[in-house]
């Protein structure tokens, strides 16, 4: 069977910042993820860990939001004006942009 990996990207405006997502989706799950944009995220190096943490996650609002919220708690993340659900929405937008 042919492994169809699809790429997508999106811009999402949060309350205080712009989230830019580039991703690859394979069978409804995140295969690769890049989170960029214009927002505050502390500690900054944890953003890379968040990307890795979301690989394999289903592209589904509740699951993404929960996984990101747990990551925030366990890593003591602060991102004023940008919430876990903003990242989830941005990721879903990017996944919807995937050319089928």
PDB file of N, CA and C in Angstrom:
ATOM      1  N   UNK A   1       0.839  -1.197   0.000  1.00  0.00           N
ATOM      2  CA  UNK A   1       0.000   0.000   0.000  1.00  0.00           C
ATOM      3  C   UNK A   1       0.877   1.251   0.000  1.00  0.00           C
ATOM      4  N   UNK A   2       0.408   2.254  -0.684  1.00  0.00           N
ATOM      5  CA  UNK A   2       1.163   3.505  -0.773  1.00  0.00           C
ATOM      6  C   UNK A   2       0.900   4.339   0.475  1.00  0.00           C
ATOM      7  N   UNK A   3       1.970   4.820   1.073  1.00  0.00           N
ATOM      8  CA  UNK A   3       1.845   5.651   2.265  1.00  0.00           C
ATOM      9  C   UNK A   3       1.626   7.093   1.821  1.00  0.00           C
ATOM     10  N   UNK A   4       0.433   7.593   2.019  1.00  0.00           N
ATOM     11  CA  UNK A   4       0.124   8.955   1.583  1.00  0.00           C
ATOM     12  C   UNK A   4       0.307   9.917   2.751  1.00  0.00           C
ATOM     13  N   UNK A   5       1.371  10.679   2.690  1.00  0.00           N
ATOM     14  CA  UNK A   5       1.604  11.707   3.696  1.00  0.00           C
ATOM     15  C   UNK A   5       1.203  13.038   3.080  1.00  0.00           C
ATOM     16  N   UNK A   6       0.335  13.759   3.780  1.00  0.00           N
ATOM     17  CA  UNK A   6      -0.173  15.010   3.240  1.00  0.00           C
ATOM     18  C   UNK A   6       0.342  16.189   4.058  1.00  0.00           C
ATOM     19  N   UNK A   7       0.705  17.256   3.353  1.00  0.00           N
ATOM     20  CA  UNK A   7       1.231  18.445   4.025  1.00  0.00           C
ATOM     21  C   UNK A   7       0.193  19.554   4.056  1.00  0.00           C
ATOM     22  N   UNK A   8       0.199  20.299   5.132  1.00  0.00           N
ATOM     23  CA  UNK A   8      -0.709  21.432   5.241  1.00  0.00           C
ATOM     24  C   UNK A   8      -0.069  22.543   6.043  1.00  0.00           C
ATOM     25  N   UNK A   9      -0.646  23.734   5.934  1.00  0.00           N
ATOM     26  CA  UNK A   9      -0.157  24.853   6.736  1.00  0.00           C
ATOM     27  C   UNK A   9      -1.303  25.811   7.018  1.00  0.00           C
ATOM     28  N   UNK A  10      -1.135  26.611   8.054  1.00  0.00           N
ATOM     29  CA  UNK A  10      -2.181  27.568   8.405  1.00  0.00           C
ATOM     30  C   UNK A  10      -1.614  28.682   9.267  1.00  0.00           C
ATOM     31  N   UNK A  11      -2.295  29.817   9.213  1.00  0.00           N
ATOM     32  CA  UNK A  11      -2.043  30.925  10.125  1.00  0.00           C
ATOM     33  C   UNK A  11      -3.279  31.062  10.993  1.00  0.00           C
ATOM     34  N   UNK A  12      -3.074  31.234  12.290  1.00  0.00           N
ATOM     35  CA  UNK A  12      -4.202  31.383  13.198  1.00  0.00           C
ATOM     36  C   UNK A  12      -3.929  32.554  14.135  1.00  0.00           C
ATOM     37  N   UNK A  13      -4.899  33.463  14.229  1.00  0.00           N
ATOM     38  CA  UNK A  13      -4.743  34.639  15.084  1.00  0.00           C
ATOM     39  C   UNK A  13      -5.314  34.339  16.465  1.00  0.00           C
ATOM     40  N   UNK A  14      -4.439  34.330  17.450  1.00  0.00           N
ATOM     41  CA  UNK A  14      -4.882  34.175  18.837  1.00  0.00           C
ATOM     42  C   UNK A  14      -5.071  35.571  19.430  1.00  0.00           C
ATOM     43  N   UNK A  15      -5.488  35.630  20.702  1.00  0.00           N
ATOM     44  CA  UNK A  15      -5.731  36.920  21.339  1.00  0.00           C
ATOM     45  C   UNK A  15      -4.485  37.804  21.282  1.00  0.00           C
ATOM     46  N   UNK A  16      -3.336  37.219  21.599  1.00  0.00           N
ATOM     47  CA  UNK A  16      -2.083  37.991  21.578  1.00  0.00           C
ATOM     48  C   UNK A  16      -1.021  37.240  20.804  1.00  0.00           C
ATOM     49  N   UNK A  17      -1.213  37.148  19.517  1.00  0.00           N
ATOM     50  CA  UNK A  17      -0.180  36.513  18.716  1.00  0.00           C
ATOM     51  C   UNK A  17      -0.727  35.812  17.500  1.00  0.00           C
ATOM     52  N   UNK A  18       0.207  35.476  16.636  1.00  0.00           N
ATOM     53  CA  UNK A  18      -0.135  34.785  15.403  1.00  0.00           C
ATOM     54  C   UNK A  18       0.591  33.448  15.412  1.00  0.00           C
ATOM     55  N   UNK A  19      -0.157  32.381  15.242  1.00  0.00           N
ATOM     56  CA  UNK A  19       0.432  31.041  15.240  1.00  0.00           C
ATOM     57  C   UNK A  19       0.518  30.550  13.802  1.00  0.00           C
ATOM     58  N   UNK A  20       1.696  30.081  13.440  1.00  0.00           N
ATOM     59  CA  UNK A  20       1.922  29.574  12.091  1.00  0.00           C
ATOM     60  C   UNK A  20       2.256  28.086  12.203  1.00  0.00           C
ATOM     61  N   UNK A  21       1.465  27.277  11.543  1.00  0.00           N
ATOM     62  CA  UNK A  21       1.634  25.825  11.629  1.00  0.00           C
ATOM     63  C   UNK A  21       1.997  25.253  10.269  1.00  0.00           C
ATOM     64  N   UNK A  22       2.979  24.369  10.272  1.00  0.00           N
ATOM     65  CA  UNK A  22       3.250  23.540   9.100  1.00  0.00           C
ATOM     66  C   UNK A  22       3.223  22.110   9.600  1.00  0.00           C
ATOM     67  N   UNK A  23       2.505  21.241   8.894  1.00  0.00           N
ATOM     68  CA  UNK A  23       2.450  19.870   9.384  1.00  0.00           C
ATOM     69  C   UNK A  23       2.336  18.861   8.260  1.00  0.00           C
ATOM     70  N   UNK A  24       2.600  17.629   8.632  1.00  0.00           N
ATOM     71  CA  UNK A  24       2.349  16.492   7.757  1.00  0.00           C
ATOM     72  C   UNK A  24       1.401  15.575   8.501  1.00  0.00           C
ATOM     73  N   UNK A  25       0.385  15.115   7.783  1.00  0.00           N
ATOM     74  CA  UNK A  25      -0.625  14.250   8.376  1.00  0.00           C
ATOM     75  C   UNK A  25      -0.594  12.904   7.669  1.00  0.00           C
ATOM     76  N   UNK A  26      -0.645  11.843   8.450  1.00  0.00           N
ATOM     77  CA  UNK A  26      -0.679  10.494   7.907  1.00  0.00           C
ATOM     78  C   UNK A  26      -1.789   9.734   8.610  1.00  0.00           C
ATOM     79  N   UNK A  27      -2.799   9.330   7.857  1.00  0.00           N
ATOM     80  CA  UNK A  27      -3.957   8.597   8.400  1.00  0.00           C
ATOM     81  C   UNK A  27      -4.579   9.307   9.603  1.00  0.00           C
ATOM     82  N   UNK A  28      -4.763  10.616   9.462  1.00  0.00           N
ATOM     83  CA  UNK A  28      -5.448  11.383  10.504  1.00  0.00           C
ATOM     84  C   UNK A  28      -4.606  11.712  11.721  1.00  0.00           C
ATOM     85  N   UNK A  29      -3.318  11.343  11.678  1.00  0.00           N
ATOM     86  CA  UNK A  29      -2.434  11.637  12.807  1.00  0.00           C
ATOM     87  C   UNK A  29      -1.277  12.523  12.357  1.00  0.00           C
ATOM     88  N   UNK A  30      -0.781  13.314  13.293  1.00  0.00           N
ATOM     89  CA  UNK A  30       0.337  14.207  12.989  1.00  0.00           C
ATOM     90  C   UNK A  30       1.612  13.387  12.798  1.00  0.00           C
ATOM     91  N   UNK A  31       2.238  13.573  11.651  1.00  0.00           N
ATOM     92  CA  UNK A  31       3.497  12.872  11.383  1.00  0.00           C
ATOM     93  C   UNK A  31       4.691  13.790  11.620  1.00  0.00           C
ATOM     94  N   UNK A  32       4.518  15.063  11.282  1.00  0.00           N
ATOM     95  CA  UNK A  32       5.574  16.047  11.503  1.00  0.00           C
ATOM     96  C   UNK A  32       4.909  17.393  11.761  1.00  0.00           C
ATOM     97  N   UNK A  33       5.505  18.195  12.625  1.00  0.00           N
ATOM     98  CA  UNK A  33       4.864  19.446  13.025  1.00  0.00           C
ATOM     99  C   UNK A  33       5.903  20.534  13.270  1.00  0.00           C
ATOM    100  N   UNK A  34       5.619  21.726  12.732  1.00  0.00           N
ATOM    101  CA  UNK A  34       6.433  22.907  13.021  1.00  0.00           C
ATOM    102  C   UNK A  34       5.500  24.006  13.520  1.00  0.00           C
ATOM    103  N   UNK A  35       5.808  24.527  14.697  1.00  0.00           N
ATOM    104  CA  UNK A  35       5.025  25.633  15.253  1.00  0.00           C
ATOM    105  C   UNK A  35       5.912  26.874  15.248  1.00  0.00           C
ATOM    106  N   UNK A  36       5.457  27.902  14.533  1.00  0.00           N
ATOM    107  CA  UNK A  36       6.202  29.163  14.495  1.00  0.00           C
ATOM    108  C   UNK A  36       5.213  30.291  14.730  1.00  0.00           C
ATOM    109  N   UNK A  37       5.676  31.520  14.537  1.00  0.00           N
ATOM    110  CA  UNK A  37       4.750  32.637  14.626  1.00  0.00           C
ATOM    111  C   UNK A  37       5.235  33.745  15.530  1.00  0.00           C
ATOM    112  N   UNK A  38       4.314  34.611  15.847  1.00  0.00           N
ATOM    113  CA  UNK A  38       4.611  35.806  16.605  1.00  0.00           C
ATOM    114  C   UNK A  38       3.834  35.741  17.915  1.00  0.00           C
ATOM    115  N   UNK A  39       4.419  35.072  18.911  1.00  0.00           N
ATOM    116  CA  UNK A  39       3.765  34.935  20.212  1.00  0.00           C
ATOM    117  C   UNK A  39       4.836  34.629  21.260  1.00  0.00           C
ATOM    118  N   UNK A  40       4.504  34.863  22.527  1.00  0.00           N
ATOM    119  CA  UNK A  40       5.431  34.554  23.616  1.00  0.00           C
ATOM    120  C   UNK A  40       5.172  33.140  24.110  1.00  0.00           C
ATOM    121  N   UNK A  41       6.240  32.394  24.327  1.00  0.00           N
ATOM    122  CA  UNK A  41       6.146  31.013  24.807  1.00  0.00           C
ATOM    123  C   UNK A  41       7.375  30.758  25.671  1.00  0.00           C
ATOM    124  N   UNK A  42       7.150  30.586  26.967  1.00  0.00           N
ATOM    125  CA  UNK A  42       8.264  30.354  27.906  1.00  0.00           C
ATOM    126  C   UNK A  42       8.092  29.025  28.627  1.00  0.00           C
ATOM    127  N   UNK A  43       9.159  28.260  28.880  1.00  0.00           N
ATOM    128  CA  UNK A  43      10.494  28.457  28.325  1.00  0.00           C
ATOM    129  C   UNK A  43      10.506  28.194  26.819  1.00  0.00           C
ATOM    130  N   UNK A  44      11.212  29.033  26.083  1.00  0.00           N
ATOM    131  CA  UNK A  44      11.173  28.994  24.616  1.00  0.00           C
ATOM    132  C   UNK A  44      11.576  27.650  24.019  1.00  0.00           C
ATOM    133  N   UNK A  45      12.602  27.018  24.609  1.00  0.00           N
ATOM    134  CA  UNK A  45      13.080  25.754  24.035  1.00  0.00           C
ATOM    135  C   UNK A  45      12.067  24.619  24.173  1.00  0.00           C
ATOM    136  N   UNK A  46      11.050  24.826  24.982  1.00  0.00           N
ATOM    137  CA  UNK A  46      10.024  23.792  25.156  1.00  0.00           C
ATOM    138  C   UNK A  46       9.069  23.708  23.954  1.00  0.00           C
ATOM    139  N   UNK A  47       9.082  24.744  23.123  1.00  0.00           N
ATOM    140  CA  UNK A  47       8.211  24.723  21.943  1.00  0.00           C
ATOM    141  C   UNK A  47       8.578  23.544  21.043  1.00  0.00           C
ATOM    142  N   UNK A  48       9.873  23.280  20.946  1.00  0.00           N
ATOM    143  CA  UNK A  48      10.365  22.152  20.155  1.00  0.00           C
ATOM    144  C   UNK A  48       9.881  20.835  20.768  1.00  0.00           C
ATOM    145  N   UNK A  49       9.895  20.765  22.098  1.00  0.00           N
ATOM    146  CA  UNK A  49       9.405  19.569  22.786  1.00  0.00           C
ATOM    147  C   UNK A  49       7.908  19.384  22.548  1.00  0.00           C
ATOM    148  N   UNK A  50       7.177  20.494  22.499  1.00  0.00           N
ATOM    149  CA  UNK A  50       5.735  20.410  22.242  1.00  0.00           C
ATOM    150  C   UNK A  50       5.481  19.823  20.858  1.00  0.00           C
ATOM    151  N   UNK A  51       6.246  20.271  19.864  1.00  0.00           N
ATOM    152  CA  UNK A  51       6.111  19.722  18.509  1.00  0.00           C
ATOM    153  C   UNK A  51       6.302  18.208  18.530  1.00  0.00           C
ATOM    154  N   UNK A  52       7.366  17.762  19.181  1.00  0.00           N
ATOM    155  CA  UNK A  52       7.659  16.324  19.252  1.00  0.00           C
ATOM    156  C   UNK A  52       6.567  15.579  20.008  1.00  0.00           C
ATOM    157  N   UNK A  53       6.059  16.215  21.075  1.00  0.00           N
ATOM    158  CA  UNK A  53       5.029  15.615  21.914  1.00  0.00           C
ATOM    159  C   UNK A  53       3.737  15.359  21.143  1.00  0.00           C
ATOM    160  N   UNK A  54       3.475  16.184  20.127  1.00  0.00           N
ATOM    161  CA  UNK A  54       2.214  16.072  19.389  1.00  0.00           C
ATOM    162  C   UNK A  54       2.297  15.136  18.186  1.00  0.00           C
ATOM    163  N   UNK A  55       3.496  14.666  17.861  1.00  0.00           N
ATOM    164  CA  UNK A  55       3.625  13.701  16.765  1.00  0.00           C
ATOM    165  C   UNK A  55       2.919  12.410  17.182  1.00  0.00           C
ATOM    166  N   UNK A  56       2.070  11.908  16.292  1.00  0.00           N
ATOM    167  CA  UNK A  56       1.302  10.704  16.594  1.00  0.00           C
ATOM    168  C   UNK A  56      -0.078  11.004  17.156  1.00  0.00           C
ATOM    169  N   UNK A  57      -0.306  12.265  17.515  1.00  0.00           N
ATOM    170  CA  UNK A  57      -1.606  12.657  18.064  1.00  0.00           C
ATOM    171  C   UNK A  57      -2.633  12.752  16.938  1.00  0.00           C
ATOM    172  N   UNK A  58      -3.866  12.339  17.236  1.00  0.00           N
ATOM    173  CA  UNK A  58      -4.946  12.473  16.259  1.00  0.00           C
ATOM    174  C   UNK A  58      -5.241  13.951  16.043  1.00  0.00           C
ATOM    175  N   UNK A  59      -5.565  14.294  14.803  1.00  0.00           N
ATOM    176  CA  UNK A  59      -5.928  15.680  14.498  1.00  0.00           C
ATOM    177  C   UNK A  59      -7.390  15.856  14.893  1.00  0.00           C
ATOM    178  N   UNK A  60      -7.596  16.061  16.174  1.00  0.00           N
ATOM    179  CA  UNK A  60      -8.942  16.127  16.729  1.00  0.00           C
ATOM    180  C   UNK A  60      -8.896  17.135  17.876  1.00  0.00           C
ATOM    181  N   UNK A  61      -9.833  18.066  17.864  1.00  0.00           N
ATOM    182  CA  UNK A  61      -9.803  19.225  18.755  1.00  0.00           C
ATOM    183  C   UNK A  61      -9.589  18.863  20.221  1.00  0.00           C
ATOM    184  N   UNK A  62     -10.440  17.967  20.733  1.00  0.00           N
ATOM    185  CA  UNK A  62     -10.401  17.642  22.153  1.00  0.00           C
ATOM    186  C   UNK A  62      -9.084  16.969  22.539  1.00  0.00           C
ATOM    187  N   UNK A  63      -8.665  16.011  21.719  1.00  0.00           N
ATOM    188  CA  UNK A  63      -7.434  15.276  22.017  1.00  0.00           C
ATOM    189  C   UNK A  63      -6.212  16.198  21.977  1.00  0.00           C
ATOM    190  N   UNK A  64      -6.164  17.065  20.965  1.00  0.00           N
ATOM    191  CA  UNK A  64      -5.051  18.016  20.849  1.00  0.00           C
ATOM    192  C   UNK A  64      -5.026  18.980  22.029  1.00  0.00           C
ATOM    193  N   UNK A  65      -6.183  19.570  22.329  1.00  0.00           N
ATOM    194  CA  UNK A  65      -6.258  20.547  23.421  1.00  0.00           C
ATOM    195  C   UNK A  65      -5.828  19.913  24.735  1.00  0.00           C
ATOM    196  N   UNK A  66      -6.291  18.692  24.987  1.00  0.00           N
ATOM    197  CA  UNK A  66      -5.961  17.993  26.226  1.00  0.00           C
ATOM    198  C   UNK A  66      -4.459  17.698  26.295  1.00  0.00           C
ATOM    199  N   UNK A  67      -3.910  17.207  25.196  1.00  0.00           N
ATOM    200  CA  UNK A  67      -2.482  16.862  25.166  1.00  0.00           C
ATOM    201  C   UNK A  67      -1.632  18.122  25.375  1.00  0.00           C
ATOM    202  N   UNK A  68      -2.027  19.234  24.734  1.00  0.00           N
ATOM    203  CA  UNK A  68      -1.266  20.479  24.867  1.00  0.00           C
ATOM    204  C   UNK A  68      -1.399  21.043  26.287  1.00  0.00           C
ATOM    205  N   UNK A  69      -2.612  20.989  26.847  1.00  0.00           N
ATOM    206  CA  UNK A  69      -2.843  21.486  28.209  1.00  0.00           C
ATOM    207  C   UNK A  69      -2.011  20.697  29.221  1.00  0.00           C
ATOM    208  N   UNK A  70      -1.930  19.383  29.035  1.00  0.00           N
ATOM    209  CA  UNK A  70      -1.117  18.548  29.928  1.00  0.00           C
ATOM    210  C   UNK A  70       0.359  18.913  29.794  1.00  0.00           C
ATOM    211  N   UNK A  71       0.783  19.173  28.564  1.00  0.00           N
ATOM    212  CA  UNK A  71       2.172  19.575  28.318  1.00  0.00           C
ATOM    213  C   UNK A  71       2.470  20.893  29.039  1.00  0.00           C
ATOM    214  N   UNK A  72       1.526  21.841  28.965  1.00  0.00           N
ATOM    215  CA  UNK A  72       1.669  23.132  29.643  1.00  0.00           C
ATOM    216  C   UNK A  72       1.889  22.918  31.139  1.00  0.00           C
ATOM    217  N   UNK A  73       1.052  22.048  31.742  1.00  0.00           N
ATOM    218  CA  UNK A  73       1.139  21.801  33.180  1.00  0.00           C
ATOM    219  C   UNK A  73       2.465  21.163  33.554  1.00  0.00           C
ATOM    220  N   UNK A  74       2.818  20.097  32.857  1.00  0.00           N
ATOM    221  CA  UNK A  74       4.014  19.350  33.256  1.00  0.00           C
ATOM    222  C   UNK A  74       5.312  20.086  32.934  1.00  0.00           C
ATOM    223  N   UNK A  75       5.258  21.067  32.040  1.00  0.00           N
ATOM    224  CA  UNK A  75       6.471  21.818  31.693  1.00  0.00           C
ATOM    225  C   UNK A  75       6.442  23.268  32.177  1.00  0.00           C
ATOM    226  N   UNK A  76       5.394  23.597  32.940  1.00  0.00           N
ATOM    227  CA  UNK A  76       5.263  24.941  33.494  1.00  0.00           C
ATOM    228  C   UNK A  76       5.378  26.016  32.407  1.00  0.00           C
ATOM    229  N   UNK A  77       4.575  25.850  31.359  1.00  0.00           N
ATOM    230  CA  UNK A  77       4.614  26.753  30.204  1.00  0.00           C
ATOM    231  C   UNK A  77       3.794  28.012  30.469  1.00  0.00           C
ATOM    232  N   UNK A  78       4.327  29.126  30.010  1.00  0.00           N
ATOM    233  CA  UNK A  78       3.595  30.387  30.049  1.00  0.00           C
ATOM    234  C   UNK A  78       3.554  30.967  28.637  1.00  0.00           C
ATOM    235  N   UNK A  79       2.351  31.259  28.154  1.00  0.00           N
ATOM    236  CA  UNK A  79       2.228  31.897  26.834  1.00  0.00           C
ATOM    237  C   UNK A  79       1.068  32.888  26.881  1.00  0.00           C
ATOM    238  N   UNK A  80       1.346  34.097  27.404  1.00  0.00           N
ATOM    239  CA  UNK A  80       0.299  35.105  27.582  1.00  0.00           C
ATOM    240  C   UNK A  80      -0.494  35.371  26.307  1.00  0.00           C
ATOM    241  N   UNK A  81      -1.823  35.276  26.413  1.00  0.00           N
ATOM    242  CA  UNK A  81      -2.684  35.581  25.278  1.00  0.00           C
ATOM    243  C   UNK A  81      -2.785  34.483  24.235  1.00  0.00           C
ATOM    244  N   UNK A  82      -2.089  33.368  24.477  1.00  0.00           N
ATOM    245  CA  UNK A  82      -2.181  32.214  23.576  1.00  0.00           C
ATOM    246  C   UNK A  82      -2.419  30.977  24.436  1.00  0.00           C
ATOM    247  N   UNK A  83      -3.564  30.319  24.207  1.00  0.00           N
ATOM    248  CA  UNK A  83      -3.948  29.180  25.040  1.00  0.00           C
ATOM    249  C   UNK A  83      -3.714  27.862  24.305  1.00  0.00           C
ATOM    250  N   UNK A  84      -3.693  26.752  25.057  1.00  0.00           N
ATOM    251  CA  UNK A  84      -3.572  25.442  24.400  1.00  0.00           C
ATOM    252  C   UNK A  84      -4.593  25.243  23.284  1.00  0.00           C
ATOM    253  N   UNK A  85      -5.828  25.698  23.509  1.00  0.00           N
ATOM    254  CA  UNK A  85      -6.852  25.502  22.465  1.00  0.00           C
ATOM    255  C   UNK A  85      -6.563  26.308  21.202  1.00  0.00           C
ATOM    256  N   UNK A  86      -5.811  27.405  21.348  1.00  0.00           N
ATOM    257  CA  UNK A  86      -5.407  28.166  20.156  1.00  0.00           C
ATOM    258  C   UNK A  86      -4.470  27.336  19.283  1.00  0.00           C
ATOM    259  N   UNK A  87      -3.518  26.661  19.929  1.00  0.00           N
ATOM    260  CA  UNK A  87      -2.616  25.791  19.174  1.00  0.00           C
ATOM    261  C   UNK A  87      -3.400  24.653  18.515  1.00  0.00           C
ATOM    262  N   UNK A  88      -4.349  24.084  19.264  1.00  0.00           N
ATOM    263  CA  UNK A  88      -5.176  22.996  18.721  1.00  0.00           C
ATOM    264  C   UNK A  88      -5.952  23.474  17.494  1.00  0.00           C
ATOM    265  N   UNK A  89      -6.559  24.655  17.593  1.00  0.00           N
ATOM    266  CA  UNK A  89      -7.327  25.203  16.463  1.00  0.00           C
ATOM    267  C   UNK A  89      -6.432  25.452  15.257  1.00  0.00           C
ATOM    268  N   UNK A  90      -5.234  25.985  15.518  1.00  0.00           N
ATOM    269  CA  UNK A  90      -4.286  26.260  14.434  1.00  0.00           C
ATOM    270  C   UNK A  90      -3.876  24.967  13.731  1.00  0.00           C
ATOM    271  N   UNK A  91      -3.630  23.924  14.517  1.00  0.00           N
ATOM    272  CA  UNK A  91      -3.230  22.626  13.957  1.00  0.00           C
ATOM    273  C   UNK A  91      -4.358  22.038  13.114  1.00  0.00           C
ATOM    274  N   UNK A  92      -5.585  22.146  13.608  1.00  0.00           N
ATOM    275  CA  UNK A  92      -6.733  21.618  12.859  1.00  0.00           C
ATOM    276  C   UNK A  92      -6.937  22.391  11.562  1.00  0.00           C
ATOM    277  N   UNK A  93      -6.772  23.710  11.616  1.00  0.00           N
ATOM    278  CA  UNK A  93      -6.846  24.523  10.392  1.00  0.00           C
ATOM    279  C   UNK A  93      -5.816  24.057   9.370  1.00  0.00           C
ATOM    280  N   UNK A  94      -4.602  23.817   9.839  1.00  0.00           N
ATOM    281  CA  UNK A  94      -3.536  23.363   8.944  1.00  0.00           C
ATOM    282  C   UNK A  94      -3.879  22.002   8.345  1.00  0.00           C
ATOM    283  N   UNK A  95      -4.436  21.132   9.169  1.00  0.00           N
ATOM    284  CA  UNK A  95      -4.812  19.798   8.688  1.00  0.00           C
ATOM    285  C   UNK A  95      -5.929  19.888   7.653  1.00  0.00           C
ATOM    286  N   UNK A  96      -6.841  20.841   7.854  1.00  0.00           N
ATOM    287  CA  UNK A  96      -7.941  21.023   6.892  1.00  0.00           C
ATOM    288  C   UNK A  96      -7.444  21.595   5.572  1.00  0.00           C
ATOM    289  N   UNK A  97      -6.280  22.254   5.618  1.00  0.00           N
ATOM    290  CA  UNK A  97      -5.726  22.840   4.394  1.00  0.00           C
ATOM    291  C   UNK A  97      -5.053  21.780   3.523  1.00  0.00           C
ATOM    292  N   UNK A  98      -4.926  20.587   4.077  1.00  0.00           N
ATOM    293  CA  UNK A  98      -4.264  19.486   3.368  1.00  0.00           C
ATOM    294  C   UNK A  98      -4.997  19.201   2.063  1.00  0.00           C
ATOM    295  N   UNK A  99      -4.253  19.165   0.990  1.00  0.00           N
ATOM    296  CA  UNK A  99      -4.855  18.858  -0.313  1.00  0.00           C
ATOM    297  C   UNK A  99      -5.095  17.358  -0.406  1.00  0.00           C
ATOM    298  N   UNK A 100      -6.338  16.993  -0.582  1.00  0.00           N
ATOM    299  CA  UNK A 100      -6.686  15.560  -0.642  1.00  0.00           C
ATOM    300  C   UNK A 100      -6.586  15.085  -2.080  1.00  0.00           C
TER     301      UNK A 100
END
